[in-house]
Amino acid sequence: MREATIKPPSFPAIVQQFFTEYLVAQRALSPQTVSCYRDAIKLFLGFAAARLRKSPATMLLADITPELILSFLDNLEAERQNSVRSRNLRLTALRTFLKFAGRRDVSALHSIERALGVPMKRFDRPMLGYLSRPEIVAVLGQPGGEWTSQRDHLLLTLLYNTGARVSEIIGVRVDDVVLDGAACVHLMGKGRKQRSVPLWKSTVAAARAWLRGNPQLRGDSALLPNRSGQAMTRCNVTQRLTLAVGRATAEVPGLKGKRVSPHTLRHTTAMHLLQSGVPFNVIALWLGHESTNTTHRYVEANLEMKEKALARLEAPDIKLTRFRATDELMKFLETL
């Protein structure tokens, strides 16, 4: 008696298994990473449903063709004004899903292999922007007597001291800050990787003053809350930094017209560590980089270090003379 063939799961079932079994249970990805995959798949299914004129629940893996994926990616750039980097991130999510789907429905392997052939799009990497020492000092400024002024001063000081990502800083709790002995702050980075970054004495003093003036902040409370007592959002941080840069422009006119984002402070920390002679591997640990290759980008952007290296190299003493053709060469040219 022939064995009954196992029917492959439906497309909706594969999508559900991808998130519940693979991303959450097997890989144990962070909620933020799962959300990135979810957004990419939702965007693609919405686009595919409109293009194919069928609901996502009735789609098949064979419907996901290279042409459909390329149209989706082009739509991201043209209609949603996504950058090439964002386009490639969406494609990465689709590739991960398709590889998983191929293991659940082997009958669709041929279609999946064709879809996986869609390449990443190349793009120019802009030079890393960072602030000079006088510029960052002006941006940090001095805390005023207002509640928001003191919080913003501690926020910007922590960003520069630690070189942390915005998501890491707004996630800091009071218990994550150690102010006695070897002062440091514990950060939760990408992929739920924890690291500890030492604090300057000035940062410790600012943190002590902030906690002393806000005794309600303790334990699991957000170190840098908004007016409602909740942790600040990315948008909050960007707005407060923009205000700080606007005030600092009066002191340092060079800041006028310069685009300064919270990530610029991260680049500034890395660049200043590099200029101070801190080794690559230490900077990589400080910033939470997975690879020192990422840290090497700061060397490429550091014109000051390149100029110092050039100064150590003596220029060749060559006297330039005017080229004079030989008679044989002139005769050859005349014969042409």
C-alpha atoms as a PDB file:
ATOM      1  CA  MET A   1       0.000   0.000   0.000  1.00  0.00           C
ATOM      2  CA  ARG A   2       1.395   3.363  -1.043  1.00  0.00           C
ATOM      3  CA  GLU A   3       2.089   5.891   1.660  1.00  0.00           C
ATOM      4  CA  ALA A   4      -0.118   8.964   1.549  1.00  0.00           C
ATOM      5  CA  THR A   5       1.745  12.025   0.346  1.00  0.00           C
ATOM      6  CA  ILE A   6       2.085  14.780   2.908  1.00  0.00           C
ATOM      7  CA  LYS A   7       0.281  17.900   1.782  1.00  0.00           C
ATOM      8  CA  PRO A   8       2.438  21.029   2.217  1.00  0.00           C
ATOM      9  CA  PRO A   9       1.074  23.757   4.501  1.00  0.00           C
ATOM     10  CA  SER A  10      -0.838  26.666   3.013  1.00  0.00           C
ATOM     11  CA  PHE A  11       0.775  30.038   2.380  1.00  0.00           C
ATOM     12  CA  PRO A  12      -0.886  31.685   5.435  1.00  0.00           C
ATOM     13  CA  ALA A  13       0.255  28.776   7.614  1.00  0.00           C
ATOM     14  CA  ILE A  14       3.841  29.166   6.402  1.00  0.00           C
ATOM     15  CA  VAL A  15       3.772  32.891   7.201  1.00  0.00           C
ATOM     16  CA  GLN A  16       2.477  32.179  10.711  1.00  0.00           C
ATOM     17  CA  GLN A  17       5.084  29.455  11.273  1.00  0.00           C
ATOM     18  CA  PHE A  18       7.818  31.821  10.078  1.00  0.00           C
ATOM     19  CA  PHE A  19       7.042  34.276  12.856  1.00  0.00           C
ATOM     20  CA  THR A  20       5.903  32.028  15.715  1.00  0.00           C
ATOM     21  CA  GLU A  21       8.176  29.021  15.232  1.00  0.00           C
ATOM     22  CA  TYR A  22      11.241  30.338  13.434  1.00  0.00           C
ATOM     23  CA  LEU A  23      11.788  33.969  14.472  1.00  0.00           C
ATOM     24  CA  VAL A  24      10.406  33.809  18.011  1.00  0.00           C
ATOM     25  CA  ALA A  25      10.841  30.199  19.199  1.00  0.00           C
ATOM     26  CA  GLN A  26      13.905  28.978  17.292  1.00  0.00           C
ATOM     27  CA  ARG A  27      15.975  32.128  16.776  1.00  0.00           C
ATOM     28  CA  ALA A  28      14.611  34.004  19.825  1.00  0.00           C
ATOM     29  CA  LEU A  29      14.937  37.353  18.098  1.00  0.00           C
ATOM     30  CA  SER A  30      14.151  40.547  19.980  1.00  0.00           C
ATOM     31  CA  PRO A  31      10.673  42.100  19.640  1.00  0.00           C
ATOM     32  CA  GLN A  32      12.197  45.013  17.706  1.00  0.00           C
ATOM     33  CA  THR A  33      13.756  42.674  15.133  1.00  0.00           C
ATOM     34  CA  VAL A  34      10.527  40.686  14.779  1.00  0.00           C
ATOM     35  CA  SER A  35       8.692  43.965  14.190  1.00  0.00           C
ATOM     36  CA  CYS A  36      11.092  44.807  11.337  1.00  0.00           C
ATOM     37  CA  TYR A  37      10.346  41.457   9.675  1.00  0.00           C
ATOM     38  CA  ARG A  38       6.621  41.963  10.255  1.00  0.00           C
ATOM     39  CA  ASP A  39       6.630  45.405   8.638  1.00  0.00           C
ATOM     40  CA  ALA A  40       8.521  44.129   5.591  1.00  0.00           C
ATOM     41  CA  ILE A  41       6.173  41.169   5.065  1.00  0.00           C
ATOM     42  CA  LYS A  42       3.079  43.352   5.587  1.00  0.00           C
ATOM     43  CA  LEU A  43       4.268  45.876   3.015  1.00  0.00           C
ATOM     44  CA  PHE A  44       5.067  43.156   0.507  1.00  0.00           C
ATOM     45  CA  LEU A  45       1.766  41.294   0.960  1.00  0.00           C
ATOM     46  CA  GLY A  46      -0.182  44.535   0.640  1.00  0.00           C
ATOM     47  CA  PHE A  47       1.622  45.381  -2.591  1.00  0.00           C
ATOM     48  CA  ALA A  48       1.303  41.828  -3.946  1.00  0.00           C
ATOM     49  CA  ALA A  49      -2.434  41.679  -3.164  1.00  0.00           C
ATOM     50  CA  ALA A  50      -3.043  44.861  -5.156  1.00  0.00           C
ATOM     51  CA  ARG A  51      -0.809  43.765  -8.031  1.00  0.00           C
ATOM     52  CA  LEU A  52      -2.126  40.165  -8.259  1.00  0.00           C
ATOM     53  CA  ARG A  53      -5.717  41.106  -7.375  1.00  0.00           C
ATOM     54  CA  LYS A  54      -6.034  38.397  -4.778  1.00  0.00           C
ATOM     55  CA  SER A  55      -6.073  38.430  -0.995  1.00  0.00           C
ATOM     56  CA  PRO A  56      -2.896  37.478   0.898  1.00  0.00           C
ATOM     57  CA  ALA A  57      -4.726  34.428   2.333  1.00  0.00           C
ATOM     58  CA  THR A  58      -5.187  32.979  -1.176  1.00  0.00           C
ATOM     59  CA  MET A  59      -1.624  33.619  -2.357  1.00  0.00           C
ATOM     60  CA  LEU A  60       0.799  30.837  -3.287  1.00  0.00           C
ATOM     61  CA  LEU A  61       4.575  30.732  -3.018  1.00  0.00           C
ATOM     62  CA  ALA A  62       4.655  30.419  -6.810  1.00  0.00           C
ATOM     63  CA  ASP A  63       3.101  33.902  -7.005  1.00  0.00           C
ATOM     64  CA  ILE A  64       6.273  35.415  -5.532  1.00  0.00           C
ATOM     65  CA  THR A  65       8.237  35.920  -8.723  1.00  0.00           C
ATOM     66  CA  PRO A  66      11.406  37.958  -9.283  1.00  0.00           C
ATOM     67  CA  GLU A  67       9.335  40.420 -11.317  1.00  0.00           C
ATOM     68  CA  LEU A  68       6.909  40.927  -8.427  1.00  0.00           C
ATOM     69  CA  ILE A  69       9.724  41.437  -5.924  1.00  0.00           C
ATOM     70  CA  LEU A  70      11.531  43.934  -8.175  1.00  0.00           C
ATOM     71  CA  SER A  71       8.297  45.874  -8.710  1.00  0.00           C
ATOM     72  CA  PHE A  72       7.774  45.960  -4.941  1.00  0.00           C
ATOM     73  CA  LEU A  73      11.313  47.214  -4.302  1.00  0.00           C
ATOM     74  CA  ASP A  74      11.008  49.886  -6.998  1.00  0.00           C
ATOM     75  CA  ASN A  75       7.704  50.961  -5.444  1.00  0.00           C
ATOM     76  CA  LEU A  76       9.423  51.390  -2.074  1.00  0.00           C
ATOM     77  CA  GLU A  77      11.860  53.853  -3.585  1.00  0.00           C
ATOM     78  CA  ALA A  78       9.478  55.669  -5.918  1.00  0.00           C
ATOM     79  CA  GLU A  79       6.265  55.867  -3.885  1.00  0.00           C
ATOM     80  CA  ARG A  80       7.372  55.517  -0.267  1.00  0.00           C
ATOM     81  CA  GLN A  81      10.637  57.438  -0.800  1.00  0.00           C
ATOM     82  CA  ASN A  82      12.642  54.714   0.955  1.00  0.00           C
ATOM     83  CA  SER A  83      16.419  54.839   0.747  1.00  0.00           C
ATOM     84  CA  VAL A  84      18.389  52.089  -0.953  1.00  0.00           C
ATOM     85  CA  ARG A  85      19.471  50.887   2.480  1.00  0.00           C
ATOM     86  CA  SER A  86      15.810  50.488   3.544  1.00  0.00           C
ATOM     87  CA  ARG A  87      15.034  48.762   0.252  1.00  0.00           C
ATOM     88  CA  ASN A  88      17.811  46.243   0.891  1.00  0.00           C
ATOM     89  CA  LEU A  89      16.579  45.623   4.444  1.00  0.00           C
ATOM     90  CA  ARG A  90      13.107  44.765   3.104  1.00  0.00           C
ATOM     91  CA  LEU A  91      14.683  42.421   0.578  1.00  0.00           C
ATOM     92  CA  THR A  92      16.710  40.749   3.332  1.00  0.00           C
ATOM     93  CA  ALA A  93      13.502  40.041   5.251  1.00  0.00           C
ATOM     94  CA  LEU A  94      11.876  38.573   2.139  1.00  0.00           C
ATOM     95  CA  ARG A  95      14.904  36.378   1.475  1.00  0.00           C
ATOM     96  CA  THR A  96      14.851  35.035   5.018  1.00  0.00           C
ATOM     97  CA  PHE A  97      11.163  34.206   4.692  1.00  0.00           C
ATOM     98  CA  LEU A  98      11.620  32.498   1.310  1.00  0.00           C
ATOM     99  CA  LYS A  99      14.464  30.327   2.597  1.00  0.00           C
ATOM    100  CA  PHE A 100      12.259  29.239   5.484  1.00  0.00           C
ATOM    101  CA  ALA A 101       9.298  28.632   3.164  1.00  0.00           C
ATOM    102  CA  GLY A 102      11.427  26.411   0.923  1.00  0.00           C
ATOM    103  CA  ARG A 103      11.961  24.039   3.832  1.00  0.00           C
ATOM    104  CA  ARG A 104       8.212  23.872   4.493  1.00  0.00           C
ATOM    105  CA  ASP A 105       7.053  23.432   0.879  1.00  0.00           C
ATOM    106  CA  VAL A 106       9.678  21.661  -1.245  1.00  0.00           C
ATOM    107  CA  SER A 107       7.306  21.658  -4.235  1.00  0.00           C
ATOM    108  CA  ALA A 108       7.857  25.422  -4.527  1.00  0.00           C
ATOM    109  CA  LEU A 109      11.673  25.225  -4.425  1.00  0.00           C
ATOM    110  CA  HIS A 110      12.066  26.141  -8.095  1.00  0.00           C
ATOM    111  CA  SER A 111       9.991  29.305  -7.732  1.00  0.00           C
ATOM    112  CA  ILE A 112      11.783  30.201  -4.505  1.00  0.00           C
ATOM    113  CA  GLU A 113      15.227  29.748  -6.058  1.00  0.00           C
ATOM    114  CA  ARG A 114      14.272  32.159  -8.843  1.00  0.00           C
ATOM    115  CA  ALA A 115      12.967  34.699  -6.316  1.00  0.00           C
ATOM    116  CA  LEU A 116      16.152  34.425  -4.246  1.00  0.00           C
ATOM    117  CA  GLY A 117      18.106  35.526  -7.307  1.00  0.00           C
ATOM    118  CA  VAL A 118      16.961  39.143  -6.903  1.00  0.00           C
ATOM    119  CA  PRO A 119      20.178  41.025  -6.005  1.00  0.00           C
ATOM    120  CA  MET A 120      20.815  43.705  -3.436  1.00  0.00           C
ATOM    121  CA  LYS A 121      21.103  47.199  -4.860  1.00  0.00           C
ATOM    122  CA  ARG A 122      24.449  48.922  -4.560  1.00  0.00           C
ATOM    123  CA  PHE A 123      24.598  52.443  -3.161  1.00  0.00           C
ATOM    124  CA  ASP A 124      27.145  55.108  -2.334  1.00  0.00           C
ATOM    125  CA  ARG A 125      28.149  55.275   1.307  1.00  0.00           C
ATOM    126  CA  PRO A 126      28.207  58.912   2.467  1.00  0.00           C
ATOM    127  CA  MET A 127      31.069  60.174   4.577  1.00  0.00           C
ATOM    128  CA  LEU A 128      30.377  59.873   8.286  1.00  0.00           C
ATOM    129  CA  GLY A 129      29.376  63.182   9.824  1.00  0.00           C
ATOM    130  CA  TYR A 130      30.677  64.134  13.260  1.00  0.00           C
ATOM    131  CA  LEU A 131      31.177  67.208  15.439  1.00  0.00           C
ATOM    132  CA  SER A 132      34.427  68.823  16.511  1.00  0.00           C
ATOM    133  CA  ARG A 133      35.279  69.170  20.188  1.00  0.00           C
ATOM    134  CA  PRO A 134      34.142  72.859  20.412  1.00  0.00           C
ATOM    135  CA  GLU A 135      30.909  71.986  18.606  1.00  0.00           C
ATOM    136  CA  ILE A 136      29.933  69.116  20.897  1.00  0.00           C
ATOM    137  CA  VAL A 137      30.807  71.169  23.999  1.00  0.00           C
ATOM    138  CA  ALA A 138      28.517  73.945  22.759  1.00  0.00           C
ATOM    139  CA  VAL A 139      25.704  71.466  22.069  1.00  0.00           C
ATOM    140  CA  LEU A 140      25.980  69.957  25.559  1.00  0.00           C
ATOM    141  CA  GLY A 141      25.947  73.412  27.139  1.00  0.00           C
ATOM    142  CA  GLN A 142      25.179  73.983  30.798  1.00  0.00           C
ATOM    143  CA  PRO A 143      21.984  72.732  32.459  1.00  0.00           C
ATOM    144  CA  GLY A 144      19.481  75.386  33.464  1.00  0.00           C
ATOM    145  CA  GLY A 145      17.065  75.356  36.360  1.00  0.00           C
ATOM    146  CA  GLU A 146      14.159  73.887  34.373  1.00  0.00           C
ATOM    147  CA  TRP A 147      13.303  70.193  34.604  1.00  0.00           C
ATOM    148  CA  THR A 148      13.585  69.638  30.847  1.00  0.00           C
ATOM    149  CA  SER A 149      16.916  71.481  30.682  1.00  0.00           C
ATOM    150  CA  GLN A 150      18.474  69.216  33.319  1.00  0.00           C
ATOM    151  CA  ARG A 151      17.082  66.079  31.684  1.00  0.00           C
ATOM    152  CA  ASP A 152      18.243  67.144  28.222  1.00  0.00           C
ATOM    153  CA  HIS A 153      21.726  67.910  29.506  1.00  0.00           C
ATOM    154  CA  LEU A 154      22.012  64.430  31.028  1.00  0.00           C
ATOM    155  CA  LEU A 155      20.535  62.889  27.862  1.00  0.00           C
ATOM    156  CA  LEU A 156      23.061  64.537  25.524  1.00  0.00           C
ATOM    157  CA  THR A 157      25.941  63.944  27.928  1.00  0.00           C
ATOM    158  CA  LEU A 158      25.124  60.230  28.086  1.00  0.00           C
ATOM    159  CA  LEU A 159      24.821  60.023  24.303  1.00  0.00           C
ATOM    160  CA  TYR A 160      28.279  61.564  23.861  1.00  0.00           C
ATOM    161  CA  ASN A 161      29.900  59.721  26.785  1.00  0.00           C
ATOM    162  CA  THR A 162      28.656  56.281  25.759  1.00  0.00           C
ATOM    163  CA  GLY A 163      28.271  56.619  21.981  1.00  0.00           C
ATOM    164  CA  ALA A 164      25.026  54.707  22.457  1.00  0.00           C
ATOM    165  CA  ARG A 165      22.239  54.304  19.943  1.00  0.00           C
ATOM    166  CA  VAL A 166      19.018  56.195  20.672  1.00  0.00           C
ATOM    167  CA  SER A 167      17.159  52.945  21.399  1.00  0.00           C
ATOM    168  CA  GLU A 168      19.816  52.043  23.964  1.00  0.00           C
ATOM    169  CA  ILE A 169      19.697  55.383  25.786  1.00  0.00           C
ATOM    170  CA  ILE A 170      15.915  55.657  26.035  1.00  0.00           C
ATOM    171  CA  GLY A 171      15.876  52.097  27.367  1.00  0.00           C
ATOM    172  CA  VAL A 172      18.199  52.886  30.299  1.00  0.00           C
ATOM    173  CA  ARG A 173      16.585  52.360  33.708  1.00  0.00           C
ATOM    174  CA  VAL A 174      17.722  53.830  37.007  1.00  0.00           C
ATOM    175  CA  ASP A 175      19.066  50.440  38.088  1.00  0.00           C
ATOM    176  CA  ASP A 176      21.241  50.335  34.951  1.00  0.00           C
ATOM    177  CA  VAL A 177      23.354  53.262  36.170  1.00  0.00           C
ATOM    178  CA  VAL A 178      26.174  52.536  38.628  1.00  0.00           C
ATOM    179  CA  LEU A 179      27.443  55.736  40.249  1.00  0.00           C
ATOM    180  CA  ASP A 180      29.564  54.330  43.077  1.00  0.00           C
ATOM    181  CA  GLY A 181      33.021  52.829  42.613  1.00  0.00           C
ATOM    182  CA  ALA A 182      33.699  52.071  38.961  1.00  0.00           C
ATOM    183  CA  ALA A 183      30.879  54.226  37.548  1.00  0.00           C
ATOM    184  CA  CYS A 184      29.266  52.834  34.410  1.00  0.00           C
ATOM    185  CA  VAL A 185      25.973  52.360  32.599  1.00  0.00           C
ATOM    186  CA  HIS A 186      24.625  49.021  31.378  1.00  0.00           C
ATOM    187  CA  LEU A 187      23.208  49.169  27.849  1.00  0.00           C
ATOM    188  CA  MET A 188      21.037  46.701  25.968  1.00  0.00           C
ATOM    189  CA  GLY A 189      22.210  46.737  22.349  1.00  0.00           C
ATOM    190  CA  LYS A 190      21.149  45.096  19.114  1.00  0.00           C
ATOM    191  CA  GLY A 191      20.289  41.430  19.405  1.00  0.00           C
ATOM    192  CA  ARG A 192      19.823  41.883  23.169  1.00  0.00           C
ATOM    193  CA  LYS A 193      23.584  42.102  23.640  1.00  0.00           C
ATOM    194  CA  GLN A 194      24.501  43.781  26.904  1.00  0.00           C
ATOM    195  CA  ARG A 195      27.562  45.922  27.437  1.00  0.00           C
ATOM    196  CA  SER A 196      28.830  48.277  30.120  1.00  0.00           C
ATOM    197  CA  VAL A 197      30.351  51.666  29.324  1.00  0.00           C
ATOM    198  CA  PRO A 198      32.362  53.696  31.884  1.00  0.00           C
ATOM    199  CA  LEU A 199      31.186  57.175  32.815  1.00  0.00           C
ATOM    200  CA  TRP A 200      33.138  60.403  33.171  1.00  0.00           C
ATOM    201  CA  LYS A 201      33.097  62.178  36.505  1.00  0.00           C
ATOM    202  CA  SER A 202      31.085  65.002  34.916  1.00  0.00           C
ATOM    203  CA  THR A 203      28.480  62.488  33.712  1.00  0.00           C
ATOM    204  CA  VAL A 204      28.304  60.949  37.187  1.00  0.00           C
ATOM    205  CA  ALA A 205      27.813  64.406  38.710  1.00  0.00           C
ATOM    206  CA  ALA A 206      25.016  65.194  36.230  1.00  0.00           C
ATOM    207  CA  ALA A 207      23.318  61.856  36.956  1.00  0.00           C
ATOM    208  CA  ARG A 208      23.572  62.344  40.723  1.00  0.00           C
ATOM    209  CA  ALA A 209      22.074  65.841  40.482  1.00  0.00           C
ATOM    210  CA  TRP A 210      19.264  64.548  38.262  1.00  0.00           C
ATOM    211  CA  LEU A 211      18.339  61.665  40.586  1.00  0.00           C
ATOM    212  CA  ARG A 212      18.634  63.889  43.657  1.00  0.00           C
ATOM    213  CA  GLY A 213      16.144  66.327  42.138  1.00  0.00           C
ATOM    214  CA  ASN A 214      13.797  63.524  41.060  1.00  0.00           C
ATOM    215  CA  PRO A 215      13.511  61.116  44.023  1.00  0.00           C
ATOM    216  CA  GLN A 216      10.519  59.388  42.390  1.00  0.00           C
ATOM    217  CA  LEU A 217      12.907  57.866  39.829  1.00  0.00           C
ATOM    218  CA  ARG A 218      14.145  54.592  41.236  1.00  0.00           C
ATOM    219  CA  GLY A 219      14.535  50.924  40.400  1.00  0.00           C
ATOM    220  CA  ASP A 220      12.928  50.026  37.076  1.00  0.00           C
ATOM    221  CA  SER A 221      11.895  53.599  36.261  1.00  0.00           C
ATOM    222  CA  ALA A 222      13.147  55.139  33.038  1.00  0.00           C
ATOM    223  CA  LEU A 223      16.205  57.270  33.782  1.00  0.00           C
ATOM    224  CA  LEU A 224      15.143  59.844  31.168  1.00  0.00           C
ATOM    225  CA  PRO A 225      11.338  60.074  31.208  1.00  0.00           C
ATOM    226  CA  ASN A 226       9.028  62.454  29.407  1.00  0.00           C
ATOM    227  CA  ARG A 227       6.464  64.644  31.156  1.00  0.00           C
ATOM    228  CA  SER A 228       4.082  61.699  31.587  1.00  0.00           C
ATOM    229  CA  GLY A 229       6.760  59.613  33.300  1.00  0.00           C
ATOM    230  CA  GLN A 230       7.221  57.220  30.387  1.00  0.00           C
ATOM    231  CA  ALA A 231      10.520  56.617  28.581  1.00  0.00           C
ATOM    232  CA  MET A 232      11.342  59.172  25.903  1.00  0.00           C
ATOM    233  CA  THR A 233      10.761  58.236  22.280  1.00  0.00           C
ATOM    234  CA  ARG A 234      13.154  58.563  19.341  1.00  0.00           C
ATOM    235  CA  CYS A 235      11.157  61.567  18.184  1.00  0.00           C
ATOM    236  CA  ASN A 236      11.524  63.219  21.608  1.00  0.00           C
ATOM    237  CA  VAL A 237      15.291  62.788  21.552  1.00  0.00           C
ATOM    238  CA  THR A 238      15.588  64.186  18.020  1.00  0.00           C
ATOM    239  CA  GLN A 239      13.487  67.233  18.918  1.00  0.00           C
ATOM    240  CA  ARG A 240      15.482  68.010  22.054  1.00  0.00           C
ATOM    241  CA  LEU A 241      18.779  67.643  20.196  1.00  0.00           C
ATOM    242  CA  THR A 242      17.554  69.986  17.455  1.00  0.00           C
ATOM    243  CA  LEU A 243      16.744  72.617  20.075  1.00  0.00           C
ATOM    244  CA  ALA A 244      20.175  72.191  21.674  1.00  0.00           C
ATOM    245  CA  VAL A 245      21.929  72.565  18.319  1.00  0.00           C
ATOM    246  CA  GLY A 246      19.882  75.694  17.587  1.00  0.00           C
ATOM    247  CA  ARG A 247      21.013  77.286  20.858  1.00  0.00           C
ATOM    248  CA  ALA A 248      24.637  76.246  20.296  1.00  0.00           C
ATOM    249  CA  THR A 249      24.697  77.836  16.819  1.00  0.00           C
ATOM    250  CA  ALA A 250      24.909  81.294  18.394  1.00  0.00           C
ATOM    251  CA  GLU A 251      28.153  80.252  20.117  1.00  0.00           C
ATOM    252  CA  VAL A 252      29.576  78.160  17.264  1.00  0.00           C
ATOM    253  CA  PRO A 253      28.339  79.509  13.895  1.00  0.00           C
ATOM    254  CA  GLY A 254      29.851  76.507  12.111  1.00  0.00           C
ATOM    255  CA  LEU A 255      26.878  74.448  13.315  1.00  0.00           C
ATOM    256  CA  LYS A 256      24.501  76.488  11.181  1.00  0.00           C
ATOM    257  CA  GLY A 257      23.176  74.395   8.323  1.00  0.00           C
ATOM    258  CA  LYS A 258      24.896  71.242   9.633  1.00  0.00           C
ATOM    259  CA  ARG A 259      22.618  68.233   9.943  1.00  0.00           C
ATOM    260  CA  VAL A 260      23.015  66.843  13.467  1.00  0.00           C
ATOM    261  CA  SER A 261      21.076  63.724  14.439  1.00  0.00           C
ATOM    262  CA  PRO A 262      21.400  61.569  17.568  1.00  0.00           C
ATOM    263  CA  HIS A 263      23.478  59.147  15.496  1.00  0.00           C
ATOM    264  CA  THR A 264      25.862  62.025  14.729  1.00  0.00           C
ATOM    265  CA  LEU A 265      26.747  62.087  18.429  1.00  0.00           C
ATOM    266  CA  ARG A 266      27.536  58.364  18.206  1.00  0.00           C
ATOM    267  CA  HIS A 267      29.870  59.025  15.285  1.00  0.00           C
ATOM    268  CA  THR A 268      31.395  61.926  17.248  1.00  0.00           C
ATOM    269  CA  THR A 269      32.185  59.680  20.212  1.00  0.00           C
ATOM    270  CA  ALA A 270      33.835  57.089  17.977  1.00  0.00           C
ATOM    271  CA  MET A 271      35.859  59.689  16.101  1.00  0.00           C
ATOM    272  CA  HIS A 272      37.096  61.390  19.272  1.00  0.00           C
ATOM    273  CA  LEU A 273      38.082  58.024  20.769  1.00  0.00           C
ATOM    274  CA  LEU A 274      39.967  57.215  17.581  1.00  0.00           C
ATOM    275  CA  GLN A 275      41.741  60.584  17.564  1.00  0.00           C
ATOM    276  CA  SER A 276      42.751  59.991  21.190  1.00  0.00           C
ATOM    277  CA  GLY A 277      44.581  56.808  20.191  1.00  0.00           C
ATOM    278  CA  VAL A 278      42.049  54.255  21.461  1.00  0.00           C
ATOM    279  CA  PRO A 279      42.507  50.918  19.611  1.00  0.00           C
ATOM    280  CA  PHE A 280      39.907  49.706  17.103  1.00  0.00           C
ATOM    281  CA  ASN A 281      38.856  46.688  19.153  1.00  0.00           C
ATOM    282  CA  VAL A 282      38.182  48.835  22.222  1.00  0.00           C
ATOM    283  CA  ILE A 283      36.076  51.293  20.187  1.00  0.00           C
ATOM    284  CA  ALA A 284      34.154  48.380  18.689  1.00  0.00           C
ATOM    285  CA  LEU A 285      33.373  47.087  22.200  1.00  0.00           C
ATOM    286  CA  TRP A 286      32.524  50.602  23.370  1.00  0.00           C
ATOM    287  CA  LEU A 287      29.979  51.115  20.576  1.00  0.00           C
ATOM    288  CA  GLY A 288      28.684  47.555  20.513  1.00  0.00           C
ATOM    289  CA  HIS A 289      29.865  46.824  16.965  1.00  0.00           C
ATOM    290  CA  GLU A 290      29.687  43.191  15.906  1.00  0.00           C
ATOM    291  CA  SER A 291      32.736  43.593  13.681  1.00  0.00           C
ATOM    292  CA  THR A 292      35.728  45.918  13.728  1.00  0.00           C
ATOM    293  CA  ASN A 293      35.112  46.429   9.993  1.00  0.00           C
ATOM    294  CA  THR A 294      32.372  48.872  10.980  1.00  0.00           C
ATOM    295  CA  THR A 295      34.840  50.753  13.170  1.00  0.00           C
ATOM    296  CA  HIS A 296      37.304  51.050  10.275  1.00  0.00           C
ATOM    297  CA  ARG A 297      34.850  53.421   8.557  1.00  0.00           C
ATOM    298  CA  TYR A 298      35.866  56.115  11.049  1.00  0.00           C
ATOM    299  CA  VAL A 299      39.442  55.958   9.818  1.00  0.00           C
ATOM    300  CA  GLU A 300      38.225  56.598   6.276  1.00  0.00           C
ATOM    301  CA  ALA A 301      36.347  59.696   7.454  1.00  0.00           C
ATOM    302  CA  ASN A 302      39.109  61.056   9.684  1.00  0.00           C
ATOM    303  CA  LEU A 303      40.864  63.659   7.533  1.00  0.00           C
ATOM    304  CA  GLU A 304      42.936  64.922  10.478  1.00  0.00           C
ATOM    305  CA  MET A 305      44.587  61.522  10.953  1.00  0.00           C
ATOM    306  CA  LYS A 306      45.272  61.276   7.238  1.00  0.00           C
ATOM    307  CA  GLU A 307      46.918  64.695   7.271  1.00  0.00           C
ATOM    308  CA  LYS A 308      49.148  63.670  10.208  1.00  0.00           C
ATOM    309  CA  ALA A 309      50.110  60.486   8.368  1.00  0.00           C
ATOM    310  CA  LEU A 310      50.932  62.507   5.266  1.00  0.00           C
ATOM    311  CA  ALA A 311      53.077  64.882   7.314  1.00  0.00           C
ATOM    312  CA  ARG A 312      55.253  61.928   8.392  1.00  0.00           C
ATOM    313  CA  LEU A 313      55.823  61.018   4.755  1.00  0.00           C
ATOM    314  CA  GLU A 314      58.359  63.258   3.109  1.00  0.00           C
ATOM    315  CA  ALA A 315      57.314  64.390  -0.335  1.00  0.00           C
ATOM    316  CA  PRO A 316      59.772  63.343  -3.062  1.00  0.00           C
ATOM    317  CA  ASP A 317      62.101  66.098  -4.193  1.00  0.00           C
ATOM    318  CA  ILE A 318      61.554  65.879  -7.927  1.00  0.00           C
ATOM    319  CA  LYS A 319      62.359  68.644 -10.354  1.00  0.00           C
ATOM    320  CA  LEU A 320      59.805  68.779 -13.113  1.00  0.00           C
ATOM    321  CA  THR A 321      61.263  69.257 -16.577  1.00  0.00           C
ATOM    322  CA  ARG A 322      59.445  70.004 -19.773  1.00  0.00           C
ATOM    323  CA  PHE A 323      59.033  67.056 -22.118  1.00  0.00           C
ATOM    324  CA  ARG A 324      60.962  67.366 -25.383  1.00  0.00           C
ATOM    325  CA  ALA A 325      60.356  64.890 -28.113  1.00  0.00           C
ATOM    326  CA  THR A 326      63.311  63.222 -29.780  1.00  0.00           C
ATOM    327  CA  ASP A 327      63.932  63.673 -33.455  1.00  0.00           C
ATOM    328  CA  GLU A 328      62.958  60.058 -34.082  1.00  0.00           C
ATOM    329  CA  LEU A 329      59.608  60.640 -32.400  1.00  0.00           C
ATOM    330  CA  MET A 330      58.960  63.771 -34.450  1.00  0.00           C
ATOM    331  CA  LYS A 331      59.750  61.890 -37.637  1.00  0.00           C
ATOM    332  CA  PHE A 332      57.356  59.136 -36.602  1.00  0.00           C
ATOM    333  CA  LEU A 333      54.559  61.620 -35.966  1.00  0.00           C
ATOM    334  CA  GLU A 334      55.108  63.291 -39.316  1.00  0.00           C
ATOM    335  CA  THR A 335      54.644  59.984 -41.077  1.00  0.00           C
ATOM    336  CA  LEU A 336      51.190  59.455 -39.594  1.00  0.00           C
END
